[in-house]
Every structure is written in C-alpha cells, then in structure tokens.
C-alpha cells in the first residue's frame, strides 16, 4: 500500500515556461503596436516593454512552499531567506501552471509552473486542485 504524504514540501526551480510565456506576450504586443503606431512610437514601446519585463522579473518569487497543517503553509521567497507562514485558500489549475491564492490579500497570488517541480510533485499539486 502506498504511503500517502499529507504534508508536502515543494522546492521551486526557476521556470523557463514563465519566461517563454512573457516573451511570447511581449512579441505579440509589440507586433500589434508596430502595425498601429509610427516607427518612433514603436521604438518607445520597445524600450518601455523591455523595462517593464525587467522590473516584472525583479519581483520576489517563491522558491519553497511547504505544508505545515491542512491549510497552513510556509513560503520562502528567493529575495529573502525569511520564511512566512500563510494560509492558502485555493489552488487553481490552469493546465500549464497552478495559481495559489492566500487568505491575506496583501500577499500576491503565486504561480507554480509545470517545469518548476518534479513530475510527482506536479501530480500532487494537480490533486490538491481537484480535491480542495
């Protein structure tokens, strides 16, 4: 009989899917601005888009999330080694990524991409989405 683990620790690697998705969206936006704006305005949009991409990627990202109790979790961000205790209210499965929503509205929802965890941990996260 399999030993079901109730408490899990997910070590999150940097995601290539997230970076690819951001770059794809950036290319689509720049394509539409190229078609609708003058060349000088389009170049300004390129600079603004690259600055915003850089600023967006500088935001702290979770690198570990661990279950302490049923709905109490600890989360550690890459920018600081401080561990926060949070209450997760919902996991939402979006096929390629899972959105994690916290009870405290001051904490931004986290995104866990498929390539950030192992295959078994991904299946575990998908089960959490299905069963609450």
N, C-alpha and C. Protein backbone atom coordinates (compact mmCIF):
# COMPACT_ATOMS: atom_id res chain seq x y z
N UNK A 1 0.84 -1.17 0.00
CA UNK A 1 0.00 0.00 0.00
C UNK A 1 0.89 1.25 0.00
N UNK A 2 0.52 2.21 -0.82
CA UNK A 2 1.31 3.44 -0.93
C UNK A 2 1.15 4.28 0.33
N UNK A 3 2.20 4.98 0.66
CA UNK A 3 2.19 5.84 1.83
C UNK A 3 1.80 7.25 1.39
N UNK A 4 0.56 7.64 1.60
CA UNK A 4 0.17 8.98 1.15
C UNK A 4 0.78 10.04 2.07
N UNK A 5 1.45 10.99 1.45
CA UNK A 5 2.04 12.07 2.23
C UNK A 5 1.04 13.21 2.31
N UNK A 6 0.65 13.53 3.54
CA UNK A 6 -0.29 14.62 3.74
C UNK A 6 0.45 15.95 3.66
N UNK A 7 1.61 16.01 4.29
CA UNK A 7 2.40 17.24 4.32
C UNK A 7 3.48 17.16 3.25
N UNK A 8 3.55 18.16 2.42
CA UNK A 8 4.47 18.17 1.29
C UNK A 8 5.37 19.39 1.36
N UNK A 9 6.54 19.26 0.77
CA UNK A 9 7.47 20.37 0.58
C UNK A 9 7.76 20.46 -0.91
N UNK A 10 7.52 21.62 -1.48
CA UNK A 10 7.76 21.83 -2.91
C UNK A 10 8.90 22.82 -3.06
N UNK A 11 10.03 22.35 -3.58
CA UNK A 11 11.15 23.22 -3.90
C UNK A 11 10.97 23.68 -5.34
N UNK A 12 10.85 24.96 -5.54
CA UNK A 12 10.52 25.52 -6.85
C UNK A 12 11.78 26.01 -7.56
N UNK A 13 12.01 25.46 -8.73
CA UNK A 13 13.13 25.90 -9.58
C UNK A 13 12.68 27.10 -10.42
N UNK A 14 13.61 27.85 -10.98
CA UNK A 14 13.22 28.91 -11.92
C UNK A 14 12.52 28.29 -13.14
N UNK A 15 11.52 28.97 -13.64
CA UNK A 15 10.70 28.42 -14.73
C UNK A 15 11.09 29.00 -16.08
N UNK A 16 11.34 28.10 -17.03
CA UNK A 16 11.57 28.53 -18.41
C UNK A 16 10.24 28.77 -19.11
N UNK A 17 9.19 28.05 -18.69
CA UNK A 17 7.86 28.26 -19.27
C UNK A 17 7.39 29.69 -19.02
N UNK A 18 7.60 30.18 -17.80
CA UNK A 18 7.16 31.54 -17.45
C UNK A 18 7.87 32.58 -18.30
N UNK A 19 9.18 32.42 -18.45
CA UNK A 19 9.95 33.37 -19.26
C UNK A 19 9.51 33.31 -20.72
N UNK A 20 9.30 32.11 -21.24
CA UNK A 20 8.83 31.96 -22.62
C UNK A 20 7.47 32.58 -22.83
N UNK A 21 6.57 32.41 -21.85
CA UNK A 21 5.23 33.00 -21.94
C UNK A 21 5.31 34.52 -21.94
N UNK A 22 6.15 35.07 -21.08
CA UNK A 22 6.31 36.53 -21.01
C UNK A 22 6.86 37.08 -22.32
N UNK A 23 7.86 36.41 -22.87
CA UNK A 23 8.46 36.88 -24.13
C UNK A 23 7.47 36.74 -25.28
N UNK A 24 6.70 35.67 -25.32
CA UNK A 24 5.68 35.50 -26.36
C UNK A 24 4.64 36.62 -26.29
N UNK A 25 4.16 36.93 -25.09
CA UNK A 25 3.20 38.03 -24.94
C UNK A 25 3.81 39.36 -25.36
N UNK A 26 5.07 39.57 -25.01
CA UNK A 26 5.76 40.80 -25.38
C UNK A 26 5.87 40.92 -26.90
N UNK A 27 6.19 39.84 -27.58
CA UNK A 27 6.30 39.86 -29.05
C UNK A 27 4.95 40.16 -29.69
N UNK A 28 3.89 39.55 -29.17
CA UNK A 28 2.55 39.80 -29.72
C UNK A 28 2.14 41.25 -29.54
N UNK A 29 2.39 41.78 -28.35
CA UNK A 29 2.05 43.20 -28.10
C UNK A 29 2.86 44.12 -29.00
N UNK A 30 4.15 43.84 -29.14
CA UNK A 30 4.99 44.69 -29.99
C UNK A 30 4.61 44.56 -31.47
N UNK A 31 4.15 43.41 -31.89
CA UNK A 31 3.68 43.24 -33.27
C UNK A 31 2.46 44.12 -33.53
N UNK A 32 1.51 44.11 -32.60
CA UNK A 32 0.31 44.94 -32.79
C UNK A 32 0.64 46.43 -32.71
N UNK A 33 1.57 46.80 -31.84
CA UNK A 33 1.94 48.22 -31.78
C UNK A 33 2.70 48.64 -33.05
N UNK A 34 3.47 47.73 -33.63
CA UNK A 34 4.17 48.02 -34.87
C UNK A 34 3.18 48.30 -36.00
N UNK A 35 2.10 47.55 -36.01
CA UNK A 35 1.10 47.72 -37.06
C UNK A 35 0.26 48.98 -36.88
N UNK A 36 0.18 49.49 -35.67
CA UNK A 36 -0.73 50.61 -35.43
C UNK A 36 -0.05 51.94 -35.11
N UNK A 37 1.25 51.94 -34.83
CA UNK A 37 1.94 53.17 -34.45
C UNK A 37 3.05 53.50 -35.44
N UNK A 38 3.51 54.75 -35.34
CA UNK A 38 4.66 55.15 -36.17
C UNK A 38 5.91 54.46 -35.63
N UNK A 39 6.97 54.49 -36.44
CA UNK A 39 8.20 53.78 -36.08
C UNK A 39 8.81 54.33 -34.80
N UNK A 40 8.73 55.64 -34.58
CA UNK A 40 9.31 56.25 -33.38
C UNK A 40 8.53 55.87 -32.13
N UNK A 41 7.23 55.87 -32.25
CA UNK A 41 6.39 55.46 -31.10
C UNK A 41 6.59 53.97 -30.81
N UNK A 42 6.80 53.20 -31.87
CA UNK A 42 7.01 51.76 -31.69
C UNK A 42 8.33 51.51 -30.95
N UNK A 43 9.36 52.29 -31.28
CA UNK A 43 10.64 52.14 -30.58
C UNK A 43 10.53 52.52 -29.11
N UNK A 44 9.72 53.53 -28.83
CA UNK A 44 9.47 53.91 -27.44
C UNK A 44 8.76 52.76 -26.72
N UNK A 45 7.82 52.13 -27.41
CA UNK A 45 7.10 50.98 -26.83
C UNK A 45 8.05 49.81 -26.57
N UNK A 46 9.02 49.60 -27.44
CA UNK A 46 10.00 48.52 -27.23
C UNK A 46 10.80 48.78 -25.95
N UNK A 47 11.27 50.01 -25.79
CA UNK A 47 12.05 50.35 -24.60
C UNK A 47 11.18 50.19 -23.34
N UNK A 48 9.96 50.69 -23.39
CA UNK A 48 9.06 50.58 -22.24
C UNK A 48 8.75 49.11 -21.92
N UNK A 49 8.56 48.29 -22.95
CA UNK A 49 8.27 46.86 -22.74
C UNK A 49 9.45 46.14 -22.13
N UNK A 50 10.66 46.45 -22.58
CA UNK A 50 11.85 45.80 -22.02
C UNK A 50 12.09 46.21 -20.57
N UNK A 51 11.84 47.48 -20.27
CA UNK A 51 11.97 47.96 -18.88
C UNK A 51 10.93 47.27 -18.00
N UNK A 52 9.70 47.17 -18.47
CA UNK A 52 8.66 46.53 -17.67
C UNK A 52 8.93 45.03 -17.49
N UNK A 53 9.48 44.38 -18.51
CA UNK A 53 9.85 42.97 -18.38
C UNK A 53 10.93 42.79 -17.33
N UNK A 54 11.91 43.67 -17.34
CA UNK A 54 12.99 43.62 -16.34
C UNK A 54 12.44 43.85 -14.93
N UNK A 55 11.59 44.86 -14.77
CA UNK A 55 11.01 45.15 -13.46
C UNK A 55 10.12 44.02 -12.98
N UNK A 56 9.36 43.42 -13.88
CA UNK A 56 8.48 42.31 -13.53
C UNK A 56 9.30 41.11 -13.05
N UNK A 57 10.42 40.84 -13.70
CA UNK A 57 11.24 39.70 -13.32
C UNK A 57 12.08 39.96 -12.07
N UNK A 58 12.14 41.20 -11.60
CA UNK A 58 12.85 41.51 -10.37
C UNK A 58 11.98 41.29 -9.13
N UNK A 59 10.68 41.08 -9.30
CA UNK A 59 9.80 40.85 -8.17
C UNK A 59 10.18 39.55 -7.47
N UNK A 60 10.01 39.51 -6.15
CA UNK A 60 10.37 38.27 -5.44
C UNK A 60 9.48 37.11 -5.86
N UNK A 61 10.10 35.95 -6.01
CA UNK A 61 9.39 34.75 -6.40
C UNK A 61 9.60 33.69 -5.33
N UNK A 62 8.57 32.90 -5.11
CA UNK A 62 8.68 31.83 -4.11
C UNK A 62 9.63 30.76 -4.62
N UNK A 63 10.52 30.29 -3.73
CA UNK A 63 11.39 29.19 -4.13
C UNK A 63 11.15 27.94 -3.28
N UNK A 64 10.29 28.05 -2.27
CA UNK A 64 9.90 26.88 -1.49
C UNK A 64 8.54 27.13 -0.87
N UNK A 65 7.70 26.12 -0.94
CA UNK A 65 6.39 26.18 -0.29
C UNK A 65 6.19 24.83 0.39
N UNK A 66 5.83 24.88 1.68
CA UNK A 66 5.75 23.65 2.46
C UNK A 66 4.50 23.67 3.32
N UNK A 67 3.81 22.54 3.33
CA UNK A 67 2.59 22.41 4.12
C UNK A 67 2.95 22.11 5.56
N UNK A 68 2.36 22.90 6.47
CA UNK A 68 2.58 22.67 7.90
C UNK A 68 1.38 21.93 8.51
N UNK A 69 0.20 22.44 8.22
CA UNK A 69 -1.04 21.80 8.64
C UNK A 69 -1.93 21.73 7.42
N UNK A 70 -3.22 21.43 7.62
CA UNK A 70 -4.11 21.25 6.48
C UNK A 70 -4.10 22.45 5.54
N UNK A 71 -4.32 23.65 6.07
CA UNK A 71 -4.35 24.83 5.20
C UNK A 71 -3.31 25.88 5.59
N UNK A 72 -2.43 25.56 6.52
CA UNK A 72 -1.35 26.45 6.92
C UNK A 72 -0.08 26.00 6.23
N UNK A 73 0.55 26.95 5.53
CA UNK A 73 1.74 26.65 4.75
C UNK A 73 2.84 27.64 5.11
N UNK A 74 4.07 27.25 4.84
CA UNK A 74 5.18 28.19 4.95
C UNK A 74 5.68 28.45 3.53
N UNK A 75 6.08 29.68 3.30
CA UNK A 75 6.55 30.07 1.97
C UNK A 75 7.83 30.87 2.14
N UNK A 76 8.82 30.56 1.30
CA UNK A 76 10.09 31.27 1.33
C UNK A 76 10.33 31.88 -0.05
N UNK A 77 10.68 33.15 -0.05
CA UNK A 77 10.95 33.86 -1.29
C UNK A 77 12.44 33.89 -1.57
N UNK A 78 12.80 33.92 -2.84
CA UNK A 78 14.21 33.90 -3.23
C UNK A 78 14.95 35.16 -2.81
N UNK A 79 14.25 36.29 -2.72
CA UNK A 79 14.91 37.54 -2.39
C UNK A 79 15.31 37.63 -0.92
N UNK A 80 14.61 36.92 -0.05
CA UNK A 80 14.95 36.92 1.37
C UNK A 80 14.84 35.50 1.90
N UNK A 81 15.63 35.21 2.88
CA UNK A 81 15.61 33.86 3.46
C UNK A 81 14.58 33.75 4.59
N UNK A 82 13.81 34.80 4.78
CA UNK A 82 12.76 34.79 5.80
C UNK A 82 11.61 33.89 5.34
N UNK A 83 11.12 33.08 6.23
CA UNK A 83 10.01 32.17 5.91
C UNK A 83 8.73 32.75 6.50
N UNK A 84 7.71 32.87 5.66
CA UNK A 84 6.42 33.39 6.10
C UNK A 84 5.45 32.25 6.28
N UNK A 85 4.62 32.38 7.29
CA UNK A 85 3.55 31.40 7.50
C UNK A 85 2.28 32.00 6.91
N UNK A 86 1.64 31.27 5.99
CA UNK A 86 0.47 31.77 5.29
C UNK A 86 -0.64 30.73 5.31
N UNK A 87 -1.84 31.21 5.05
CA UNK A 87 -2.98 30.31 4.92
C UNK A 87 -3.41 30.34 3.45
N UNK A 88 -3.38 29.17 2.82
CA UNK A 88 -3.77 29.08 1.41
C UNK A 88 -5.26 28.77 1.36
N UNK A 89 -5.99 29.57 0.59
CA UNK A 89 -7.43 29.35 0.49
C UNK A 89 -7.82 28.59 -0.78
N UNK A 90 -6.93 28.63 -1.80
CA UNK A 90 -7.33 27.99 -3.04
C UNK A 90 -6.14 27.71 -3.95
N UNK A 91 -6.15 26.54 -4.56
CA UNK A 91 -5.25 26.18 -5.64
C UNK A 91 -6.11 26.12 -6.91
N UNK A 92 -5.70 26.80 -7.96
CA UNK A 92 -6.46 26.79 -9.21
C UNK A 92 -5.57 26.24 -10.31
N UNK A 93 -6.05 25.18 -10.97
CA UNK A 93 -5.30 24.52 -12.04
C UNK A 93 -5.61 25.19 -13.37
N UNK A 94 -4.56 25.69 -14.04
CA UNK A 94 -4.69 26.27 -15.37
C UNK A 94 -3.88 25.48 -16.39
N UNK A 95 -3.79 24.20 -16.20
CA UNK A 95 -3.13 23.21 -17.03
C UNK A 95 -1.61 23.33 -17.01
N UNK A 96 -1.02 24.41 -17.51
CA UNK A 96 0.43 24.56 -17.52
C UNK A 96 0.97 25.15 -16.23
N UNK A 97 0.12 25.81 -15.48
CA UNK A 97 0.54 26.39 -14.21
C UNK A 97 -0.61 26.29 -13.21
N UNK A 98 -0.25 26.45 -11.94
CA UNK A 98 -1.23 26.42 -10.86
C UNK A 98 -1.11 27.73 -10.10
N UNK A 99 -2.24 28.40 -9.93
CA UNK A 99 -2.28 29.65 -9.17
C UNK A 99 -2.60 29.31 -7.71
N UNK A 100 -1.84 29.91 -6.81
CA UNK A 100 -2.02 29.69 -5.37
C UNK A 100 -2.49 31.01 -4.76
N UNK A 101 -3.69 31.00 -4.18
CA UNK A 101 -4.27 32.20 -3.58
C UNK A 101 -4.21 32.10 -2.06
N UNK A 102 -3.82 33.20 -1.44
CA UNK A 102 -3.63 33.24 0.00
C UNK A 102 -4.78 34.00 0.67
N UNK A 103 -4.98 33.71 1.95
CA UNK A 103 -6.04 34.38 2.70
C UNK A 103 -5.72 35.87 2.89
N UNK A 104 -4.45 36.16 3.18
CA UNK A 104 -4.01 37.54 3.35
C UNK A 104 -3.93 38.20 1.98
N UNK A 105 -4.76 39.20 1.76
CA UNK A 105 -4.82 39.85 0.45
C UNK A 105 -3.58 40.70 0.15
N UNK A 106 -2.75 40.96 1.17
CA UNK A 106 -1.53 41.72 0.94
C UNK A 106 -0.48 40.88 0.22
N UNK A 107 -0.60 39.57 0.30
CA UNK A 107 0.34 38.67 -0.37
C UNK A 107 -0.22 38.36 -1.76
N UNK A 108 0.58 38.63 -2.77
CA UNK A 108 0.15 38.38 -4.15
C UNK A 108 0.03 36.88 -4.39
N UNK A 109 -0.93 36.48 -5.22
CA UNK A 109 -1.01 35.05 -5.57
C UNK A 109 0.27 34.58 -6.24
N UNK A 110 0.64 33.35 -5.97
CA UNK A 110 1.84 32.77 -6.57
C UNK A 110 1.46 31.85 -7.72
N UNK A 111 2.35 31.76 -8.67
CA UNK A 111 2.16 30.87 -9.81
C UNK A 111 3.23 29.79 -9.74
N UNK A 112 2.80 28.54 -9.85
CA UNK A 112 3.73 27.41 -9.91
C UNK A 112 3.60 26.81 -11.29
N UNK A 113 4.66 26.92 -12.08
CA UNK A 113 4.67 26.39 -13.43
C UNK A 113 5.05 24.92 -13.41
N UNK A 114 4.65 24.21 -14.44
CA UNK A 114 4.85 22.77 -14.52
C UNK A 114 6.33 22.39 -14.47
N UNK A 115 7.20 23.21 -15.04
CA UNK A 115 8.61 22.86 -15.08
C UNK A 115 9.38 23.25 -13.81
N UNK A 116 8.69 23.78 -12.81
CA UNK A 116 9.35 24.17 -11.57
C UNK A 116 9.47 23.02 -10.56
N UNK A 117 8.67 22.00 -10.72
CA UNK A 117 8.66 20.88 -9.77
C UNK A 117 8.82 19.57 -10.52
N UNK A 118 9.09 18.51 -9.77
CA UNK A 118 9.22 17.19 -10.39
C UNK A 118 7.84 16.70 -10.85
N UNK A 119 7.85 15.64 -11.62
CA UNK A 119 6.60 15.09 -12.16
C UNK A 119 5.67 14.62 -11.04
N UNK A 120 6.21 13.97 -10.03
CA UNK A 120 5.39 13.50 -8.91
C UNK A 120 4.81 14.66 -8.11
N UNK A 121 5.60 15.69 -7.89
CA UNK A 121 5.10 16.86 -7.18
C UNK A 121 4.04 17.59 -8.00
N UNK A 122 4.19 17.61 -9.32
CA UNK A 122 3.19 18.23 -10.18
C UNK A 122 1.87 17.48 -10.06
N UNK A 123 1.92 16.16 -10.06
CA UNK A 123 0.71 15.36 -9.89
C UNK A 123 0.07 15.62 -8.53
N UNK A 124 0.90 15.75 -7.51
CA UNK A 124 0.40 16.05 -6.17
C UNK A 124 -0.31 17.40 -6.15
N UNK A 125 0.28 18.40 -6.79
CA UNK A 125 -0.36 19.72 -6.85
C UNK A 125 -1.67 19.67 -7.63
N UNK A 126 -1.71 18.92 -8.71
CA UNK A 126 -2.94 18.81 -9.50
C UNK A 126 -4.03 18.13 -8.68
N UNK A 127 -3.67 17.14 -7.86
CA UNK A 127 -4.65 16.50 -6.97
C UNK A 127 -5.16 17.48 -5.93
N UNK A 128 -4.29 18.34 -5.41
CA UNK A 128 -4.73 19.36 -4.45
C UNK A 128 -5.76 20.30 -5.10
N UNK A 129 -5.57 20.58 -6.36
CA UNK A 129 -6.53 21.44 -7.07
C UNK A 129 -7.90 20.75 -7.18
N UNK A 130 -7.89 19.47 -7.46
CA UNK A 130 -9.15 18.74 -7.64
C UNK A 130 -9.91 18.54 -6.34
N UNK A 131 -9.16 18.22 -5.29
CA UNK A 131 -9.81 17.82 -4.05
C UNK A 131 -9.80 18.88 -2.96
N UNK A 132 -9.42 20.09 -3.33
CA UNK A 132 -9.53 21.18 -2.37
C UNK A 132 -8.29 21.34 -1.63
